[in-house]
Amino acid sequence: MQAQALLAEGVAALRAAGIDGATRDARWLLAYALDLPPERLTLALQEPVTAPQLAAFRDAIAARAQHKPVAQITGQRLFWGRSFRVTQDVLDPRPETETLIEAALDLPFARLLDLGTGSGAILLTLLAERSEATGTGVDLSAAALDVALHNARSLGVAQRADLRRSDWYSAVTGRFDLIVSNPPYIAAPAHASLAPDTRLWEPRMALVPAACDGTGLAAYRMITAKACDFLTPQGWLMVEIGLGQGPEVAALMTGAGMRAPRILPDMTGRGRVVAAQAP
């Protein structure tokens, strides 16, 4: 069978399963099965596929038809131009989170702390971009920390990344020029309405705050309450937020004694990041 015919088979299967972006996803998964960069797939569409490639593609299509995210199937996600390992134990890094990266890189920092590091996408990207910086990444999930360690090693920043298991600040010591976080911010009742790709396959603890108060703001309360205890003078706290949460998170920062919180928009113009400075 030629790759072109196999691609058409995969597109049809994903459309039948109600997958949005069936053509795009089938192309990504065929490139993965053929061990090709996605941009080279077109050149290979007239070539025959081997039996192992056929089996790998059909397995990948079957998984995607069950709404398993493409990044979990391939095990990789590009973020800020770098490849990160992704598993079911971590959030799939989103393009919107690059808003936080861009904003953080406008600030001076030598030591940073990432609360709820997950795959390490935020912490490790900032370390890769700032070769003189060191950082600590904490997560309550040991499995997530294993993924972050793999990514730290593959990006060549493991020597500058201290990864440790911690319930927010509980195992954190020292002070930092910058604290960043993409915490769980989805209220528990809203979890059931998430897209199946997220609801069924991504870790609930990274989506819904454990101390849920019905608003999705519980994690921000914990992060902001102690931020000044772990920031250097005039250090920065920067967090990703959900839709419409900017004013409330900004108010929490002000209440914790931080200065002039700013709500920063993502590529769609929606408030995505709140940043404030310690006294």
C-alpha atoms as a PDB file:
ATOM      1  CA  MET A   1       0.000   0.000   0.000  1.00  0.00           C
ATOM      2  CA  GLN A   2       1.205   3.484  -0.822  1.00  0.00           C
ATOM      3  CA  ALA A   3       1.436   6.114   1.897  1.00  0.00           C
ATOM      4  CA  GLN A   4      -1.157   8.254   0.079  1.00  0.00           C
ATOM      5  CA  ALA A   5      -3.799   5.528   0.319  1.00  0.00           C
ATOM      6  CA  LEU A   6      -2.938   4.887   3.952  1.00  0.00           C
ATOM      7  CA  LEU A   7      -3.308   8.586   4.718  1.00  0.00           C
ATOM      8  CA  ALA A   8      -6.758   8.630   3.128  1.00  0.00           C
ATOM      9  CA  GLU A   9      -7.732   5.621   5.244  1.00  0.00           C
ATOM     10  CA  GLY A  10      -6.617   7.403   8.397  1.00  0.00           C
ATOM     11  CA  VAL A  11      -8.433  10.640   7.547  1.00  0.00           C
ATOM     12  CA  ALA A  12     -11.654   8.713   6.941  1.00  0.00           C
ATOM     13  CA  ALA A  13     -11.324   6.850  10.242  1.00  0.00           C
ATOM     14  CA  LEU A  14     -10.775  10.055  12.226  1.00  0.00           C
ATOM     15  CA  ARG A  15     -13.659  11.831  10.524  1.00  0.00           C
ATOM     16  CA  ALA A  16     -15.919   8.892  11.323  1.00  0.00           C
ATOM     17  CA  ALA A  17     -14.841   9.198  14.968  1.00  0.00           C
ATOM     18  CA  GLY A  18     -15.757  12.904  14.998  1.00  0.00           C
ATOM     19  CA  ILE A  19     -12.190  14.157  15.423  1.00  0.00           C
ATOM     20  CA  ASP A  20     -11.749  17.825  14.556  1.00  0.00           C
ATOM     21  CA  GLY A  21      -8.781  18.437  12.284  1.00  0.00           C
ATOM     22  CA  ALA A  22      -8.822  14.858  10.979  1.00  0.00           C
ATOM     23  CA  THR A  23      -6.596  15.585   7.974  1.00  0.00           C
ATOM     24  CA  ARG A  24      -4.032  17.478  10.027  1.00  0.00           C
ATOM     25  CA  ASP A  25      -3.857  14.798  12.710  1.00  0.00           C
ATOM     26  CA  ALA A  26      -3.668  11.934  10.217  1.00  0.00           C
ATOM     27  CA  ARG A  27      -0.752  13.630   8.481  1.00  0.00           C
ATOM     28  CA  TRP A  28       1.086  14.097  11.775  1.00  0.00           C
ATOM     29  CA  LEU A  29       0.506  10.479  12.718  1.00  0.00           C
ATOM     30  CA  LEU A  30       1.592   9.161   9.321  1.00  0.00           C
ATOM     31  CA  ALA A  31       4.808  11.171   9.530  1.00  0.00           C
ATOM     32  CA  TYR A  32       5.309   9.688  12.995  1.00  0.00           C
ATOM     33  CA  ALA A  33       4.729   6.127  11.730  1.00  0.00           C
ATOM     34  CA  LEU A  34       7.125   6.689   8.830  1.00  0.00           C
ATOM     35  CA  ASP A  35       9.702   8.330  11.144  1.00  0.00           C
ATOM     36  CA  LEU A  36       9.728  11.463   9.017  1.00  0.00           C
ATOM     37  CA  PRO A  37       9.626  15.165   9.878  1.00  0.00           C
ATOM     38  CA  PRO A  38       6.039  16.293   9.153  1.00  0.00           C
ATOM     39  CA  GLU A  39       7.234  18.789   6.566  1.00  0.00           C
ATOM     40  CA  ARG A  40       8.738  15.930   4.496  1.00  0.00           C
ATOM     41  CA  LEU A  41       5.615  13.783   4.405  1.00  0.00           C
ATOM     42  CA  THR A  42       4.377  15.052   1.021  1.00  0.00           C
ATOM     43  CA  LEU A  43       7.556  13.796  -0.627  1.00  0.00           C
ATOM     44  CA  ALA A  44       6.900  10.283   0.682  1.00  0.00           C
ATOM     45  CA  LEU A  45       3.215   9.906  -0.189  1.00  0.00           C
ATOM     46  CA  GLN A  46       3.877   7.922  -3.394  1.00  0.00           C
ATOM     47  CA  GLU A  47       6.192   5.478  -1.602  1.00  0.00           C
ATOM     48  CA  PRO A  48       5.069   2.050  -0.370  1.00  0.00           C
ATOM     49  CA  VAL A  49       4.827   1.511   3.383  1.00  0.00           C
ATOM     50  CA  THR A  50       6.267  -1.454   5.236  1.00  0.00           C
ATOM     51  CA  ALA A  51       4.213  -3.801   7.401  1.00  0.00           C
ATOM     52  CA  PRO A  52       5.576  -2.281  10.657  1.00  0.00           C
ATOM     53  CA  GLN A  53       4.812   1.219   9.394  1.00  0.00           C
ATOM     54  CA  LEU A  54       1.285   0.165   8.469  1.00  0.00           C
ATOM     55  CA  ALA A  55       0.712  -1.330  11.912  1.00  0.00           C
ATOM     56  CA  ALA A  56       2.179   1.700  13.699  1.00  0.00           C
ATOM     57  CA  PHE A  57      -0.053   4.087  11.765  1.00  0.00           C
ATOM     58  CA  ARG A  58      -3.230   2.100  12.295  1.00  0.00           C
ATOM     59  CA  ASP A  59      -2.477   1.803  16.016  1.00  0.00           C
ATOM     60  CA  ALA A  60      -1.926   5.560  16.184  1.00  0.00           C
ATOM     61  CA  ILE A  61      -5.175   6.271  14.316  1.00  0.00           C
ATOM     62  CA  ALA A  62      -7.085   3.927  16.628  1.00  0.00           C
ATOM     63  CA  ALA A  63      -5.706   5.788  19.645  1.00  0.00           C
ATOM     64  CA  ARG A  64      -6.570   9.183  18.172  1.00  0.00           C
ATOM     65  CA  ALA A  65     -10.091   7.960  17.406  1.00  0.00           C
ATOM     66  CA  GLN A  66     -10.421   7.471  21.178  1.00  0.00           C
ATOM     67  CA  HIS A  67      -9.482  11.165  21.571  1.00  0.00           C
ATOM     68  CA  LYS A  68      -5.962  10.462  22.814  1.00  0.00           C
ATOM     69  CA  PRO A  69      -4.005  13.641  22.044  1.00  0.00           C
ATOM     70  CA  VAL A  70      -1.540  13.474  19.167  1.00  0.00           C
ATOM     71  CA  ALA A  71       1.295  14.580  21.456  1.00  0.00           C
ATOM     72  CA  GLN A  72       0.669  11.640  23.787  1.00  0.00           C
ATOM     73  CA  ILE A  73       0.619   9.230  20.851  1.00  0.00           C
ATOM     74  CA  THR A  74       3.865  10.515  19.385  1.00  0.00           C
ATOM     75  CA  GLY A  75       5.317  11.293  22.816  1.00  0.00           C
ATOM     76  CA  GLN A  76       6.499  14.726  21.714  1.00  0.00           C
ATOM     77  CA  ARG A  77       5.272  18.319  21.594  1.00  0.00           C
ATOM     78  CA  LEU A  78       7.050  21.333  20.123  1.00  0.00           C
ATOM     79  CA  PHE A  79       7.080  24.293  22.506  1.00  0.00           C
ATOM     80  CA  TRP A  80       9.021  27.503  21.904  1.00  0.00           C
ATOM     81  CA  GLY A  81      10.876  25.699  19.115  1.00  0.00           C
ATOM     82  CA  ARG A  82      12.011  22.758  21.255  1.00  0.00           C
ATOM     83  CA  SER A  83      10.761  19.190  21.526  1.00  0.00           C
ATOM     84  CA  PHE A  84       9.350  18.084  24.877  1.00  0.00           C
ATOM     85  CA  ARG A  85       8.405  14.591  25.932  1.00  0.00           C
ATOM     86  CA  VAL A  86       4.685  14.363  26.767  1.00  0.00           C
ATOM     87  CA  THR A  87       2.855  11.563  28.570  1.00  0.00           C
ATOM     88  CA  GLN A  88      -0.526  11.087  30.217  1.00  0.00           C
ATOM     89  CA  ASP A  89       1.087  12.281  33.479  1.00  0.00           C
ATOM     90  CA  VAL A  90       1.553  15.892  32.340  1.00  0.00           C
ATOM     91  CA  LEU A  91      -0.350  18.643  30.596  1.00  0.00           C
ATOM     92  CA  ASP A  92       0.249  18.957  26.882  1.00  0.00           C
ATOM     93  CA  PRO A  93       2.096  22.306  26.553  1.00  0.00           C
ATOM     94  CA  ARG A  94      -0.147  24.798  24.740  1.00  0.00           C
ATOM     95  CA  PRO A  95       0.900  27.603  22.384  1.00  0.00           C
ATOM     96  CA  GLU A  96      -0.920  30.054  24.680  1.00  0.00           C
ATOM     97  CA  THR A  97       1.615  29.337  27.429  1.00  0.00           C
ATOM     98  CA  GLU A  98       4.304  30.833  25.222  1.00  0.00           C
ATOM     99  CA  THR A  99       2.775  34.176  26.248  1.00  0.00           C
ATOM    100  CA  LEU A 100       4.267  33.596  29.700  1.00  0.00           C
ATOM    101  CA  ILE A 101       7.661  32.664  28.205  1.00  0.00           C
ATOM    102  CA  GLU A 102       7.768  35.813  26.107  1.00  0.00           C
ATOM    103  CA  ALA A 103       6.865  38.013  29.058  1.00  0.00           C
ATOM    104  CA  ALA A 104       9.340  36.310  31.408  1.00  0.00           C
ATOM    105  CA  LEU A 105      12.195  36.784  28.949  1.00  0.00           C
ATOM    106  CA  ASP A 106      11.614  40.544  29.121  1.00  0.00           C
ATOM    107  CA  LEU A 107      12.603  40.422  32.811  1.00  0.00           C
ATOM    108  CA  PRO A 108      16.014  40.084  34.446  1.00  0.00           C
ATOM    109  CA  PHE A 109      16.375  36.878  36.460  1.00  0.00           C
ATOM    110  CA  ALA A 110      19.163  34.589  37.594  1.00  0.00           C
ATOM    111  CA  ARG A 111      17.120  32.210  39.803  1.00  0.00           C
ATOM    112  CA  LEU A 112      13.598  31.085  39.030  1.00  0.00           C
ATOM    113  CA  LEU A 113      10.989  28.829  40.582  1.00  0.00           C
ATOM    114  CA  ASP A 114       8.309  26.963  38.627  1.00  0.00           C
ATOM    115  CA  LEU A 115       5.373  25.830  40.750  1.00  0.00           C
ATOM    116  CA  GLY A 116       3.601  22.780  39.299  1.00  0.00           C
ATOM    117  CA  THR A 117       6.237  22.231  36.645  1.00  0.00           C
ATOM    118  CA  GLY A 118       4.635  19.229  34.909  1.00  0.00           C
ATOM    119  CA  SER A 119       6.639  18.468  31.761  1.00  0.00           C
ATOM    120  CA  GLY A 120       9.008  21.278  32.692  1.00  0.00           C
ATOM    121  CA  ALA A 121       8.060  23.225  29.567  1.00  0.00           C
ATOM    122  CA  ILE A 122       8.124  26.639  31.272  1.00  0.00           C
ATOM    123  CA  LEU A 123      11.112  26.138  33.571  1.00  0.00           C
ATOM    124  CA  LEU A 124      13.301  24.350  31.040  1.00  0.00           C
ATOM    125  CA  THR A 125      12.508  26.731  28.195  1.00  0.00           C
ATOM    126  CA  LEU A 126      13.520  29.699  30.351  1.00  0.00           C
ATOM    127  CA  LEU A 127      16.723  27.940  31.401  1.00  0.00           C
ATOM    128  CA  ALA A 128      17.519  27.072  27.794  1.00  0.00           C
ATOM    129  CA  GLU A 129      17.000  30.704  26.798  1.00  0.00           C
ATOM    130  CA  ARG A 130      19.054  32.067  29.719  1.00  0.00           C
ATOM    131  CA  SER A 131      22.271  30.072  29.865  1.00  0.00           C
ATOM    132  CA  GLU A 132      23.408  31.778  33.096  1.00  0.00           C
ATOM    133  CA  ALA A 133      20.199  31.102  35.018  1.00  0.00           C
ATOM    134  CA  THR A 134      19.374  28.296  37.465  1.00  0.00           C
ATOM    135  CA  GLY A 135      15.937  27.126  38.480  1.00  0.00           C
ATOM    136  CA  THR A 136      13.820  24.926  40.710  1.00  0.00           C
ATOM    137  CA  GLY A 137      10.766  23.080  39.450  1.00  0.00           C
ATOM    138  CA  VAL A 138       8.317  21.460  41.859  1.00  0.00           C
ATOM    139  CA  ASP A 139       5.364  19.186  41.353  1.00  0.00           C
ATOM    140  CA  LEU A 140       3.253  16.962  43.574  1.00  0.00           C
ATOM    141  CA  SER A 141       3.338  14.194  40.931  1.00  0.00           C
ATOM    142  CA  ALA A 142       6.435  11.980  40.960  1.00  0.00           C
ATOM    143  CA  ALA A 143       5.526  10.731  37.467  1.00  0.00           C
ATOM    144  CA  ALA A 144       5.440  14.296  36.151  1.00  0.00           C
ATOM    145  CA  LEU A 145       8.859  14.970  37.658  1.00  0.00           C
ATOM    146  CA  ASP A 146      10.228  11.938  35.799  1.00  0.00           C
ATOM    147  CA  VAL A 147       8.996  13.476  32.547  1.00  0.00           C
ATOM    148  CA  ALA A 148      10.523  16.845  33.476  1.00  0.00           C
ATOM    149  CA  LEU A 149      13.871  15.207  34.260  1.00  0.00           C
ATOM    150  CA  HIS A 150      13.884  13.472  30.877  1.00  0.00           C
ATOM    151  CA  ASN A 151      13.213  16.812  29.193  1.00  0.00           C
ATOM    152  CA  ALA A 152      15.881  18.586  31.241  1.00  0.00           C
ATOM    153  CA  ARG A 153      18.447  16.040  30.115  1.00  0.00           C
ATOM    154  CA  SER A 154      17.406  16.097  26.479  1.00  0.00           C
ATOM    155  CA  LEU A 155      17.615  19.908  26.423  1.00  0.00           C
ATOM    156  CA  GLY A 156      21.002  19.940  28.144  1.00  0.00           C
ATOM    157  CA  VAL A 157      19.894  21.974  31.172  1.00  0.00           C
ATOM    158  CA  ALA A 158      19.687  19.259  33.847  1.00  0.00           C
ATOM    159  CA  GLN A 159      22.749  20.630  35.645  1.00  0.00           C
ATOM    160  CA  ARG A 160      20.912  23.911  36.211  1.00  0.00           C
ATOM    161  CA  ALA A 161      17.468  22.492  37.058  1.00  0.00           C
ATOM    162  CA  ASP A 162      16.588  21.343  40.586  1.00  0.00           C
ATOM    163  CA  LEU A 163      13.469  19.177  40.297  1.00  0.00           C
ATOM    164  CA  ARG A 164      11.763  18.151  43.513  1.00  0.00           C
ATOM    165  CA  ARG A 165       8.461  16.800  44.799  1.00  0.00           C
ATOM    166  CA  SER A 166       6.579  19.478  46.686  1.00  0.00           C
ATOM    167  CA  ASP A 167       3.059  20.602  47.511  1.00  0.00           C
ATOM    168  CA  TRP A 168       3.511  24.134  46.203  1.00  0.00           C
ATOM    169  CA  TYR A 169       6.111  25.790  48.482  1.00  0.00           C
ATOM    170  CA  SER A 170       6.334  23.013  51.088  1.00  0.00           C
ATOM    171  CA  ALA A 171       9.760  21.722  49.971  1.00  0.00           C
ATOM    172  CA  VAL A 172      11.058  25.008  48.547  1.00  0.00           C
ATOM    173  CA  THR A 173      13.948  26.898  50.130  1.00  0.00           C
ATOM    174  CA  GLY A 174      15.668  30.146  49.266  1.00  0.00           C
ATOM    175  CA  ARG A 175      14.545  33.157  47.288  1.00  0.00           C
ATOM    176  CA  PHE A 176      14.045  33.675  43.582  1.00  0.00           C
ATOM    177  CA  ASP A 177      14.092  36.555  41.136  1.00  0.00           C
ATOM    178  CA  LEU A 178      11.124  35.087  39.279  1.00  0.00           C
ATOM    179  CA  ILE A 179       8.335  32.703  40.238  1.00  0.00           C
ATOM    180  CA  VAL A 180       6.258  31.264  37.404  1.00  0.00           C
ATOM    181  CA  SER A 181       3.318  28.894  37.356  1.00  0.00           C
ATOM    182  CA  ASN A 182       0.603  27.464  35.135  1.00  0.00           C
ATOM    183  CA  PRO A 183      -1.512  26.078  37.985  1.00  0.00           C
ATOM    184  CA  PRO A 184      -4.790  24.173  37.861  1.00  0.00           C
ATOM    185  CA  TYR A 185      -7.516  26.769  37.339  1.00  0.00           C
ATOM    186  CA  ILE A 186     -10.617  24.914  36.148  1.00  0.00           C
ATOM    187  CA  ALA A 187     -13.508  24.805  38.615  1.00  0.00           C
ATOM    188  CA  ALA A 188     -14.565  21.228  39.381  1.00  0.00           C
ATOM    189  CA  PRO A 189     -18.068  21.539  37.853  1.00  0.00           C
ATOM    190  CA  ALA A 190     -16.527  22.704  34.555  1.00  0.00           C
ATOM    191  CA  HIS A 191     -14.261  19.672  34.225  1.00  0.00           C
ATOM    192  CA  ALA A 192     -17.076  17.504  32.867  1.00  0.00           C
ATOM    193  CA  SER A 193     -17.625  19.940  29.991  1.00  0.00           C
ATOM    194  CA  LEU A 194     -14.011  19.936  28.773  1.00  0.00           C
ATOM    195  CA  ALA A 195     -13.170  18.485  25.365  1.00  0.00           C
ATOM    196  CA  PRO A 196     -12.591  14.712  25.580  1.00  0.00           C
ATOM    197  CA  ASP A 197      -8.943  15.123  24.533  1.00  0.00           C
ATOM    198  CA  THR A 198      -8.356  17.042  27.767  1.00  0.00           C
ATOM    199  CA  ARG A 199     -10.959  15.534  30.096  1.00  0.00           C
ATOM    200  CA  LEU A 200     -10.134  11.886  29.375  1.00  0.00           C
ATOM    201  CA  TRP A 201      -6.396  12.011  28.845  1.00  0.00           C
ATOM    202  CA  GLU A 202      -4.760  14.837  30.792  1.00  0.00           C
ATOM    203  CA  PRO A 203      -4.168  14.646  34.561  1.00  0.00           C
ATOM    204  CA  ARG A 204      -7.099  16.049  36.542  1.00  0.00           C
ATOM    205  CA  MET A 205      -4.793  17.295  39.303  1.00  0.00           C
ATOM    206  CA  ALA A 206      -3.119  19.601  36.764  1.00  0.00           C
ATOM    207  CA  LEU A 207      -6.480  20.981  35.655  1.00  0.00           C
ATOM    208  CA  VAL A 208      -8.661  21.271  38.788  1.00  0.00           C
ATOM    209  CA  PRO A 209      -7.343  22.666  42.094  1.00  0.00           C
ATOM    210  CA  ALA A 210      -7.308  20.061  44.867  1.00  0.00           C
ATOM    211  CA  ALA A 211      -8.735  22.597  47.320  1.00  0.00           C
ATOM    212  CA  CYS A 212     -11.495  23.493  44.919  1.00  0.00           C
ATOM    213  CA  ASP A 213     -13.708  26.357  46.055  1.00  0.00           C
ATOM    214  CA  GLY A 214     -15.956  26.382  43.030  1.00  0.00           C
ATOM    215  CA  THR A 215     -14.139  29.266  41.336  1.00  0.00           C
ATOM    216  CA  GLY A 216     -10.917  27.710  40.103  1.00  0.00           C
ATOM    217  CA  LEU A 217      -8.912  30.281  42.092  1.00  0.00           C
ATOM    218  CA  ALA A 218      -7.750  28.081  44.993  1.00  0.00           C
ATOM    219  CA  ALA A 219      -4.263  27.497  43.566  1.00  0.00           C
ATOM    220  CA  TYR A 220      -3.757  31.212  42.963  1.00  0.00           C
ATOM    221  CA  ARG A 221      -4.621  31.934  46.586  1.00  0.00           C
ATOM    222  CA  MET A 222      -1.921  29.536  47.767  1.00  0.00           C
ATOM    223  CA  ILE A 223       0.648  30.803  45.279  1.00  0.00           C
ATOM    224  CA  THR A 224       0.121  34.506  45.919  1.00  0.00           C
ATOM    225  CA  ALA A 225      -0.168  34.251  49.717  1.00  0.00           C
ATOM    226  CA  LYS A 226       3.453  33.153  50.130  1.00  0.00           C
ATOM    227  CA  ALA A 227       5.049  34.548  46.984  1.00  0.00           C
ATOM    228  CA  CYS A 228       6.735  37.478  48.726  1.00  0.00           C
ATOM    229  CA  ASP A 229       8.353  35.057  51.217  1.00  0.00           C
ATOM    230  CA  PHE A 230      10.209  33.409  48.331  1.00  0.00           C
ATOM    231  CA  LEU A 231      10.901  36.369  46.047  1.00  0.00           C
ATOM    232  CA  THR A 232      13.945  38.603  46.175  1.00  0.00           C
ATOM    233  CA  PRO A 233      13.215  42.315  46.622  1.00  0.00           C
ATOM    234  CA  GLN A 234      11.531  43.560  43.433  1.00  0.00           C
ATOM    235  CA  GLY A 235      11.320  40.006  42.127  1.00  0.00           C
ATOM    236  CA  TRP A 236       8.415  38.981  39.908  1.00  0.00           C
ATOM    237  CA  LEU A 237       5.502  36.565  40.130  1.00  0.00           C
ATOM    238  CA  MET A 238       3.997  35.521  36.802  1.00  0.00           C
ATOM    239  CA  VAL A 239       1.101  33.065  36.398  1.00  0.00           C
ATOM    240  CA  GLU A 240      -1.013  31.774  33.546  1.00  0.00           C
ATOM    241  CA  ILE A 241      -4.758  32.192  34.013  1.00  0.00           C
ATOM    242  CA  GLY A 242      -8.030  30.908  32.629  1.00  0.00           C
ATOM    243  CA  LEU A 243     -10.589  32.930  30.714  1.00  0.00           C
ATOM    244  CA  GLY A 244     -11.818  35.929  32.684  1.00  0.00           C
ATOM    245  CA  GLN A 245      -9.723  35.259  35.797  1.00  0.00           C
ATOM    246  CA  GLY A 246      -7.347  38.194  35.323  1.00  0.00           C
ATOM    247  CA  PRO A 247      -8.974  40.799  37.595  1.00  0.00           C
ATOM    248  CA  GLU A 248      -9.464  38.330  40.466  1.00  0.00           C
ATOM    249  CA  VAL A 249      -5.891  37.005  40.289  1.00  0.00           C
ATOM    250  CA  ALA A 250      -4.572  40.563  40.064  1.00  0.00           C
ATOM    251  CA  ALA A 251      -6.552  41.417  43.199  1.00  0.00           C
ATOM    252  CA  LEU A 252      -5.026  38.434  45.008  1.00  0.00           C
ATOM    253  CA  MET A 253      -1.554  39.682  44.125  1.00  0.00           C
ATOM    254  CA  THR A 254      -2.363  43.159  45.384  1.00  0.00           C
ATOM    255  CA  GLY A 255      -3.783  41.705  48.593  1.00  0.00           C
ATOM    256  CA  ALA A 256      -0.537  39.779  49.116  1.00  0.00           C
ATOM    257  CA  GLY A 257       1.429  43.023  48.993  1.00  0.00           C
ATOM    258  CA  MET A 258       2.646  42.893  45.409  1.00  0.00           C
ATOM    259  CA  ARG A 259       2.921  45.930  43.190  1.00  0.00           C
ATOM    260  CA  ALA A 260       0.988  46.981  40.083  1.00  0.00           C
ATOM    261  CA  PRO A 261      -0.238  43.658  38.693  1.00  0.00           C
ATOM    262  CA  ARG A 262      -0.595  43.568  34.918  1.00  0.00           C
ATOM    263  CA  ILE A 263      -2.833  41.338  32.800  1.00  0.00           C
ATOM    264  CA  LEU A 264      -1.057  40.307  29.595  1.00  0.00           C
ATOM    265  CA  PRO A 265      -2.966  39.106  26.494  1.00  0.00           C
ATOM    266  CA  ASP A 266      -2.212  36.008  24.450  1.00  0.00           C
ATOM    267  CA  MET A 267      -2.191  35.792  20.646  1.00  0.00           C
ATOM    268  CA  THR A 268      -5.985  35.968  20.537  1.00  0.00           C
ATOM    269  CA  GLY A 269      -6.132  39.100  22.693  1.00  0.00           C
ATOM    270  CA  ARG A 270      -7.508  37.294  25.755  1.00  0.00           C
ATOM    271  CA  GLY A 271      -5.942  37.876  29.164  1.00  0.00           C
ATOM    272  CA  ARG A 272      -3.557  34.937  29.624  1.00  0.00           C
ATOM    273  CA  VAL A 273      -0.887  35.959  32.155  1.00  0.00           C
ATOM    274  CA  VAL A 274      -0.896  38.075  35.296  1.00  0.00           C
ATOM    275  CA  ALA A 275       2.419  39.509  36.490  1.00  0.00           C
ATOM    276  CA  ALA A 276       3.256  41.564  39.570  1.00  0.00           C
ATOM    277  CA  GLN A 277       6.394  42.686  41.383  1.00  0.00           C
ATOM    278  CA  ALA A 278       7.394  42.169  44.986  1.00  0.00           C
ATOM    279  CA  PRO A 279       8.167  45.229  47.126  1.00  0.00           C
END
